[in-house]
């Protein structure tokens, strides 16, 4: 579909007149055309001080419909967990798998350390105390004890 060219009447500078296009497009027509074809706006900003580049900003802006962007191979919003439920679920499954693997590795490491470690004197003493019988309460009971 060929678009007719816009023609502007020649107006001398400083006349104060507003120049209008000869063809009247509505905003929806312009928006449809932009989204169908796509628009790229590109620019670079460089800040220099005495020939030393301090900052460079490369600006690239693409305005297109989702279908047109997918045709061009752009679909980053489908893989962003903040924008896509599928990506969020995928991220959660990956995190859960990583945590499970980490827990398994830690359990294996603890088992390895416990099997290779010789018992310390404190551990041996605790084991012998367990078989001594019932511990005495710290506070006396409220029932009177007869002194016979």
N, C-alpha and C. Protein backbone atom coordinates (compact mmCIF):
# COMPACT_ATOMS: atom_id res chain seq x y z
N UNK A 1 0.86 -1.18 0.00
CA UNK A 1 0.00 0.00 0.00
C UNK A 1 0.89 1.23 0.00
N UNK A 2 0.81 2.01 -1.01
CA UNK A 2 1.65 3.19 -1.16
C UNK A 2 1.01 4.37 -0.44
N UNK A 3 1.82 5.08 0.31
CA UNK A 3 1.32 6.23 1.07
C UNK A 3 1.55 7.49 0.23
N UNK A 4 0.54 8.33 0.10
CA UNK A 4 0.74 9.57 -0.64
C UNK A 4 1.66 10.50 0.15
N UNK A 5 2.46 11.24 -0.57
CA UNK A 5 3.40 12.17 0.08
C UNK A 5 2.65 13.38 0.62
N UNK A 6 3.18 13.91 1.71
CA UNK A 6 2.58 15.11 2.30
C UNK A 6 3.18 16.34 1.63
N UNK A 7 2.36 17.29 1.31
CA UNK A 7 2.84 18.52 0.67
C UNK A 7 2.52 19.69 1.58
N UNK A 8 3.55 20.50 1.83
CA UNK A 8 3.38 21.67 2.68
C UNK A 8 3.46 22.92 1.80
N UNK A 9 2.54 23.85 1.99
CA UNK A 9 2.64 25.09 1.21
C UNK A 9 3.83 25.92 1.71
N UNK A 10 4.46 26.63 0.81
CA UNK A 10 5.58 27.48 1.18
C UNK A 10 5.06 28.70 1.93
N UNK A 11 5.60 28.89 3.10
CA UNK A 11 5.20 30.02 3.93
C UNK A 11 6.47 30.77 4.30
N UNK A 12 6.48 32.07 4.09
CA UNK A 12 7.68 32.83 4.46
C UNK A 12 7.91 32.79 5.96
N UNK A 13 9.19 32.77 6.34
CA UNK A 13 9.53 32.74 7.77
C UNK A 13 9.05 33.99 8.46
N UNK A 14 8.64 33.78 9.70
CA UNK A 14 8.22 34.91 10.51
C UNK A 14 6.81 35.38 10.23
N UNK A 15 6.05 34.67 9.38
CA UNK A 15 4.70 35.12 9.08
C UNK A 15 3.73 34.78 10.21
N UNK A 16 4.10 33.83 11.08
CA UNK A 16 3.25 33.49 12.22
C UNK A 16 2.13 32.52 11.88
N UNK A 17 2.05 32.05 10.63
CA UNK A 17 1.00 31.12 10.26
C UNK A 17 1.38 29.70 10.67
N UNK A 18 0.39 28.91 10.99
CA UNK A 18 0.60 27.50 11.31
C UNK A 18 0.44 26.71 10.02
N UNK A 19 1.40 25.84 9.76
CA UNK A 19 1.39 25.04 8.54
C UNK A 19 0.71 23.71 8.84
N UNK A 20 -0.24 23.33 8.00
CA UNK A 20 -0.94 22.06 8.15
C UNK A 20 -0.66 21.18 6.94
N UNK A 21 -0.68 19.88 7.15
CA UNK A 21 -0.53 18.96 6.03
C UNK A 21 -1.81 19.00 5.21
N UNK A 22 -1.67 18.70 3.91
CA UNK A 22 -2.84 18.74 3.05
C UNK A 22 -3.71 17.51 3.23
N UNK A 23 -3.14 16.44 3.76
CA UNK A 23 -3.92 15.24 3.99
C UNK A 23 -4.24 15.13 5.48
N UNK A 24 -5.47 14.87 5.82
CA UNK A 24 -5.85 14.81 7.22
C UNK A 24 -5.85 13.38 7.75
N UNK A 25 -4.80 13.01 8.45
CA UNK A 25 -4.76 11.70 9.10
C UNK A 25 -5.19 11.85 10.54
N UNK A 26 -5.95 10.88 10.99
CA UNK A 26 -6.30 10.88 12.40
C UNK A 26 -5.16 10.24 13.19
N UNK A 27 -5.18 10.43 14.48
CA UNK A 27 -4.15 9.87 15.34
C UNK A 27 -4.13 8.35 15.24
N UNK A 28 -5.32 7.75 15.13
CA UNK A 28 -5.38 6.29 15.04
C UNK A 28 -4.75 5.79 13.74
N UNK A 29 -4.89 6.54 12.64
CA UNK A 29 -4.25 6.15 11.38
C UNK A 29 -2.74 6.19 11.49
N UNK A 30 -2.24 7.25 12.09
CA UNK A 30 -0.79 7.39 12.26
C UNK A 30 -0.26 6.31 13.19
N UNK A 31 -0.94 6.06 14.28
CA UNK A 31 -0.52 5.04 15.23
C UNK A 31 -0.53 3.66 14.59
N UNK A 32 -1.56 3.36 13.82
CA UNK A 32 -1.63 2.06 13.14
C UNK A 32 -0.46 1.89 12.18
N UNK A 33 -0.14 2.94 11.44
CA UNK A 33 0.97 2.88 10.48
C UNK A 33 2.30 2.70 11.20
N UNK A 34 2.48 3.42 12.31
CA UNK A 34 3.73 3.33 13.07
C UNK A 34 3.91 1.93 13.65
N UNK A 35 2.84 1.39 14.25
CA UNK A 35 2.93 0.07 14.86
C UNK A 35 3.09 -1.02 13.81
N UNK A 36 2.48 -0.83 12.64
CA UNK A 36 2.59 -1.83 11.58
C UNK A 36 3.99 -1.86 10.99
N UNK A 37 4.55 -0.72 10.72
CA UNK A 37 5.88 -0.64 10.11
C UNK A 37 7.00 -0.64 11.15
N UNK A 38 6.78 0.04 12.25
CA UNK A 38 7.81 0.19 13.27
C UNK A 38 8.60 1.48 13.04
N UNK A 39 9.08 2.04 14.12
CA UNK A 39 9.89 3.25 14.06
C UNK A 39 11.10 3.05 14.96
N UNK A 40 12.25 3.43 14.46
CA UNK A 40 13.48 3.35 15.25
C UNK A 40 14.00 4.76 15.43
N UNK A 41 14.26 5.10 16.68
CA UNK A 41 14.87 6.39 17.00
C UNK A 41 16.20 6.08 17.67
N UNK A 42 17.27 6.60 17.10
CA UNK A 42 18.60 6.31 17.62
C UNK A 42 19.36 7.61 17.83
N UNK A 43 20.16 7.62 18.87
CA UNK A 43 20.96 8.80 19.14
C UNK A 43 22.06 8.49 20.13
N UNK A 44 23.10 9.28 20.10
CA UNK A 44 24.22 9.12 21.02
C UNK A 44 24.47 10.45 21.71
N UNK A 45 24.73 10.38 22.98
CA UNK A 45 25.08 11.57 23.76
C UNK A 45 26.45 11.32 24.36
N UNK A 46 27.37 12.21 24.10
CA UNK A 46 28.72 12.07 24.65
C UNK A 46 29.06 13.34 25.43
N UNK A 47 29.57 13.16 26.64
CA UNK A 47 29.99 14.28 27.46
C UNK A 47 31.51 14.20 27.57
N UNK A 48 32.16 15.25 27.12
CA UNK A 48 33.63 15.29 27.13
C UNK A 48 34.11 16.54 27.84
N UNK A 49 35.26 16.39 28.45
CA UNK A 49 35.92 17.52 29.09
C UNK A 49 37.36 17.52 28.62
N UNK A 50 37.72 18.50 27.82
CA UNK A 50 39.07 18.64 27.28
C UNK A 50 39.52 17.36 26.57
N UNK A 51 38.71 16.90 25.63
CA UNK A 51 38.98 15.70 24.82
C UNK A 51 39.05 14.41 25.64
N UNK A 52 38.53 14.41 26.85
CA UNK A 52 38.44 13.20 27.66
C UNK A 52 36.96 12.86 27.76
N UNK A 53 36.62 11.67 27.25
CA UNK A 53 35.23 11.26 27.26
C UNK A 53 34.83 10.81 28.66
N UNK A 54 33.90 11.53 29.28
CA UNK A 54 33.45 11.21 30.63
C UNK A 54 32.26 10.26 30.62
N UNK A 55 31.36 10.46 29.68
CA UNK A 55 30.13 9.67 29.66
C UNK A 55 29.62 9.60 28.23
N UNK A 56 29.21 8.39 27.84
CA UNK A 56 28.57 8.20 26.54
C UNK A 56 27.29 7.42 26.76
N UNK A 57 26.22 7.93 26.22
CA UNK A 57 24.93 7.26 26.31
C UNK A 57 24.46 6.96 24.89
N UNK A 58 24.21 5.68 24.61
CA UNK A 58 23.68 5.27 23.32
C UNK A 58 22.19 5.00 23.51
N UNK A 59 21.39 5.76 22.80
CA UNK A 59 19.94 5.64 22.93
C UNK A 59 19.39 4.95 21.69
N UNK A 60 18.65 3.87 21.90
CA UNK A 60 18.00 3.16 20.81
C UNK A 60 16.55 2.92 21.24
N UNK A 61 15.62 3.45 20.49
CA UNK A 61 14.21 3.31 20.82
C UNK A 61 13.50 2.69 19.63
N UNK A 62 12.79 1.62 19.88
CA UNK A 62 12.02 0.95 18.83
C UNK A 62 10.56 0.99 19.23
N UNK A 63 9.74 1.50 18.35
CA UNK A 63 8.31 1.52 18.58
C UNK A 63 7.69 0.64 17.50
N UNK A 64 7.05 -0.45 17.96
CA UNK A 64 6.42 -1.38 17.02
C UNK A 64 5.38 -2.19 17.77
N UNK A 65 4.54 -2.87 17.03
CA UNK A 65 3.55 -3.75 17.65
C UNK A 65 4.25 -5.01 18.14
N UNK A 66 3.58 -5.76 18.99
CA UNK A 66 4.15 -6.99 19.52
C UNK A 66 4.41 -7.97 18.38
N UNK A 67 3.48 -8.07 17.45
CA UNK A 67 3.65 -8.99 16.32
C UNK A 67 4.87 -8.61 15.48
N UNK A 68 5.02 -7.33 15.22
CA UNK A 68 6.17 -6.86 14.42
C UNK A 68 7.47 -7.11 15.17
N UNK A 69 7.47 -6.88 16.49
CA UNK A 69 8.67 -7.11 17.29
C UNK A 69 9.05 -8.59 17.26
N UNK A 70 8.04 -9.47 17.37
CA UNK A 70 8.32 -10.91 17.32
C UNK A 70 8.87 -11.32 15.96
N UNK A 71 8.36 -10.69 14.89
CA UNK A 71 8.90 -10.96 13.54
C UNK A 71 10.38 -10.61 13.47
N UNK A 72 10.77 -9.56 14.20
CA UNK A 72 12.17 -9.12 14.20
C UNK A 72 13.01 -9.91 15.19
N UNK A 73 12.38 -10.82 15.95
CA UNK A 73 13.13 -11.63 16.91
C UNK A 73 13.28 -10.99 18.28
N UNK A 74 12.44 -10.02 18.57
CA UNK A 74 12.50 -9.35 19.87
C UNK A 74 11.35 -9.86 20.72
N UNK A 75 11.69 -10.53 21.83
CA UNK A 75 10.64 -11.03 22.72
C UNK A 75 11.12 -11.08 24.17
N UNK A 76 11.87 -10.09 24.58
CA UNK A 76 12.46 -10.06 25.92
C UNK A 76 11.42 -10.05 27.03
N UNK A 77 10.24 -9.52 26.78
CA UNK A 77 9.20 -9.44 27.80
C UNK A 77 8.66 -10.83 28.16
N UNK A 78 8.83 -11.81 27.28
CA UNK A 78 8.38 -13.17 27.57
C UNK A 78 9.32 -13.89 28.53
N UNK A 79 10.55 -13.40 28.66
CA UNK A 79 11.55 -14.05 29.50
C UNK A 79 11.85 -13.27 30.78
N UNK A 80 11.18 -12.16 30.98
CA UNK A 80 11.40 -11.33 32.16
C UNK A 80 10.43 -11.75 33.25
N UNK A 81 10.93 -12.22 34.43
CA UNK A 81 10.04 -12.68 35.49
C UNK A 81 9.11 -11.59 36.05
N UNK A 82 9.45 -10.33 35.86
CA UNK A 82 8.59 -9.25 36.35
C UNK A 82 7.42 -8.99 35.41
N UNK A 83 7.53 -9.45 34.17
CA UNK A 83 6.50 -9.16 33.18
C UNK A 83 5.70 -10.38 32.74
N UNK A 84 6.22 -11.58 32.99
CA UNK A 84 5.57 -12.79 32.50
C UNK A 84 5.40 -13.81 33.62
N UNK A 85 4.19 -14.33 33.76
CA UNK A 85 3.91 -15.34 34.78
C UNK A 85 4.68 -16.62 34.48
N UNK A 86 4.77 -17.01 33.20
CA UNK A 86 5.52 -18.22 32.83
C UNK A 86 6.99 -18.07 33.21
N UNK A 87 7.57 -16.91 32.94
CA UNK A 87 8.97 -16.68 33.28
C UNK A 87 9.16 -16.69 34.79
N UNK A 88 8.20 -16.14 35.52
CA UNK A 88 8.27 -16.13 36.99
C UNK A 88 8.25 -17.55 37.53
N UNK A 89 7.34 -18.39 37.01
CA UNK A 89 7.26 -19.78 37.45
C UNK A 89 8.55 -20.54 37.10
N UNK A 90 9.09 -20.28 35.92
CA UNK A 90 10.34 -20.91 35.50
C UNK A 90 11.48 -20.51 36.43
N UNK A 91 11.52 -19.25 36.80
CA UNK A 91 12.55 -18.74 37.72
C UNK A 91 12.41 -19.38 39.10
N UNK A 92 11.17 -19.50 39.59
CA UNK A 92 10.94 -20.12 40.90
C UNK A 92 11.35 -21.59 40.91
N UNK A 93 11.03 -22.33 39.82
CA UNK A 93 11.44 -23.74 39.73
C UNK A 93 12.96 -23.87 39.72
N UNK A 94 13.61 -22.97 38.98
CA UNK A 94 15.07 -23.01 38.90
C UNK A 94 15.68 -22.72 40.28
N UNK A 95 15.14 -21.73 40.98
CA UNK A 95 15.64 -21.39 42.32
C UNK A 95 15.41 -22.55 43.29
N UNK A 96 14.24 -23.19 43.21
CA UNK A 96 13.94 -24.32 44.09
C UNK A 96 14.90 -25.48 43.83
N UNK A 97 15.16 -25.76 42.56
CA UNK A 97 16.09 -26.83 42.21
C UNK A 97 17.48 -26.52 42.73
N UNK A 98 17.92 -25.28 42.59
CA UNK A 98 19.24 -24.88 43.09
C UNK A 98 19.31 -25.05 44.60
N UNK A 99 18.26 -24.65 45.31
CA UNK A 99 18.25 -24.77 46.77
C UNK A 99 18.27 -26.24 47.20
N UNK A 100 17.51 -27.10 46.50
CA UNK A 100 17.49 -28.52 46.83
C UNK A 100 18.87 -29.14 46.61
N UNK A 101 19.54 -28.76 45.52
CA UNK A 101 20.88 -29.27 45.25
C UNK A 101 21.87 -28.79 46.31
N UNK A 102 21.71 -27.54 46.72
CA UNK A 102 22.58 -26.98 47.76
C UNK A 102 22.38 -27.71 49.09
N UNK A 103 21.13 -27.98 49.46
CA UNK A 103 20.83 -28.70 50.71
C UNK A 103 21.41 -30.11 50.65
N UNK A 104 21.27 -30.77 49.50
CA UNK A 104 21.81 -32.13 49.34
C UNK A 104 23.32 -32.12 49.50
N UNK A 105 23.99 -31.16 48.88
CA UNK A 105 25.45 -31.06 48.97
C UNK A 105 25.88 -30.79 50.42
N UNK A 106 25.15 -29.93 51.11
CA UNK A 106 25.48 -29.62 52.51
C UNK A 106 25.29 -30.84 53.41
N UNK A 107 24.21 -31.60 53.18
CA UNK A 107 23.99 -32.82 53.97
C UNK A 107 25.10 -33.83 53.73
N UNK A 108 25.51 -33.96 52.47
CA UNK A 108 26.62 -34.88 52.16
C UNK A 108 27.90 -34.42 52.85
N UNK A 109 28.15 -33.14 52.85
CA UNK A 109 29.35 -32.60 53.48
C UNK A 109 29.33 -32.82 54.99
N UNK A 110 28.18 -32.60 55.63
CA UNK A 110 28.04 -32.81 57.07
C UNK A 110 28.27 -34.29 57.39
N UNK A 111 27.68 -35.19 56.61
CA UNK A 111 27.86 -36.62 56.84
C UNK A 111 29.33 -37.00 56.69
N UNK A 112 29.98 -36.43 55.69
CA UNK A 112 31.41 -36.72 55.47
C UNK A 112 32.24 -36.23 56.65
N UNK A 113 31.95 -35.03 57.13
CA UNK A 113 32.70 -34.48 58.26
C UNK A 113 32.46 -35.29 59.53
N UNK A 114 31.22 -35.69 59.76
CA UNK A 114 30.91 -36.47 60.96
C UNK A 114 31.55 -37.84 60.93
N UNK A 115 31.64 -38.45 59.76
CA UNK A 115 32.24 -39.78 59.68
C UNK A 115 33.76 -39.73 59.79
N UNK A 116 34.39 -38.66 59.36
CA UNK A 116 35.85 -38.57 59.40
C UNK A 116 36.38 -37.97 60.70
N UNK A 117 35.52 -37.43 61.53
CA UNK A 117 35.93 -36.73 62.74
C UNK A 117 36.06 -37.72 63.89
N UNK A 118 37.10 -37.56 64.71
CA UNK A 118 37.24 -38.40 65.90
C UNK A 118 36.43 -37.75 67.02
N UNK A 119 35.83 -38.53 67.89
CA UNK A 119 35.00 -37.94 68.94
C UNK A 119 35.86 -37.12 69.91
N UNK A 120 35.37 -35.95 70.25
CA UNK A 120 36.08 -35.08 71.17
C UNK A 120 35.81 -35.54 72.61
N UNK A 121 36.62 -35.12 73.58
CA UNK A 121 36.39 -35.49 74.98
C UNK A 121 35.03 -35.04 75.49
N UNK A 122 34.55 -33.88 75.03
CA UNK A 122 33.24 -33.39 75.47
C UNK A 122 32.12 -34.30 74.97
N UNK A 123 32.24 -34.73 73.73
CA UNK A 123 31.22 -35.62 73.17
C UNK A 123 31.20 -36.94 73.92
N UNK A 124 32.39 -37.49 74.23
CA UNK A 124 32.46 -38.75 74.96
C UNK A 124 31.86 -38.60 76.35
N UNK A 125 32.09 -37.44 77.01
CA UNK A 125 31.55 -37.22 78.36
C UNK A 125 30.03 -37.12 78.31
N UNK A 126 29.49 -36.47 77.29
CA UNK A 126 28.04 -36.34 77.15
C UNK A 126 27.40 -37.72 76.98
N UNK A 127 28.05 -38.58 76.20
CA UNK A 127 27.50 -39.91 75.98
C UNK A 127 27.48 -40.71 77.27
N UNK A 128 28.49 -40.56 78.14
CA UNK A 128 28.51 -41.31 79.39
C UNK A 128 27.50 -40.75 80.38
N UNK A 129 27.22 -39.47 80.35
CA UNK A 129 26.24 -38.86 81.24
C UNK A 129 24.83 -39.32 80.93
N UNK A 130 24.55 -39.62 79.68
CA UNK A 130 23.20 -40.00 79.29
C UNK A 130 22.73 -41.24 80.02
N UNK A 131 23.61 -42.15 80.35
CA UNK A 131 23.21 -43.40 80.96
C UNK A 131 23.15 -43.36 82.48
N UNK A 132 23.42 -42.24 83.14
CA UNK A 132 23.47 -42.16 84.60
C UNK A 132 22.12 -42.22 85.26
N UNK A 133 21.11 -41.97 84.59
CA UNK A 133 19.78 -41.99 85.21
C UNK A 133 19.12 -40.63 85.14
N UNK A 134 18.11 -40.44 85.97
CA UNK A 134 17.30 -39.24 85.94
C UNK A 134 18.04 -38.07 86.56
N UNK A 135 17.91 -36.91 85.94
CA UNK A 135 18.51 -35.68 86.47
C UNK A 135 17.73 -35.19 87.66
N UNK A 136 18.40 -34.58 88.60
CA UNK A 136 17.75 -33.99 89.77
C UNK A 136 17.13 -32.66 89.35
N UNK A 137 15.95 -32.34 89.86
CA UNK A 137 15.36 -31.03 89.53
C UNK A 137 16.18 -29.92 90.19
N UNK A 138 16.18 -28.75 89.52
CA UNK A 138 16.95 -27.63 90.05
C UNK A 138 16.30 -27.01 91.27
N UNK A 139 14.97 -26.98 91.31
CA UNK A 139 14.25 -26.37 92.42
C UNK A 139 13.62 -27.48 93.25
N UNK A 140 13.57 -27.29 94.57
CA UNK A 140 12.93 -28.31 95.40
C UNK A 140 11.44 -28.40 95.10
N UNK A 141 10.87 -29.56 95.25
CA UNK A 141 9.45 -29.73 94.97
C UNK A 141 8.64 -29.08 96.09
N UNK A 142 7.38 -28.83 95.84
CA UNK A 142 6.53 -28.16 96.81
C UNK A 142 6.02 -29.12 97.90
N UNK A 143 6.20 -30.41 97.72
CA UNK A 143 5.76 -31.35 98.75
C UNK A 143 6.80 -31.44 99.86
N UNK A 144 6.34 -31.41 101.09
CA UNK A 144 7.33 -31.45 102.19
C UNK A 144 7.96 -32.84 102.29
N UNK A 145 9.21 -32.83 102.62
CA UNK A 145 9.96 -34.07 102.77
C UNK A 145 10.16 -34.30 104.26
N UNK A 146 9.80 -35.47 104.79
CA UNK A 146 9.93 -35.74 106.23
C UNK A 146 11.37 -36.12 106.54
N UNK A 147 11.87 -35.64 107.65
CA UNK A 147 13.23 -35.93 108.06
C UNK A 147 13.19 -37.05 109.07
N UNK A 148 13.27 -38.24 108.69
CA UNK A 148 13.23 -39.37 109.61
C UNK A 148 14.56 -39.98 109.80
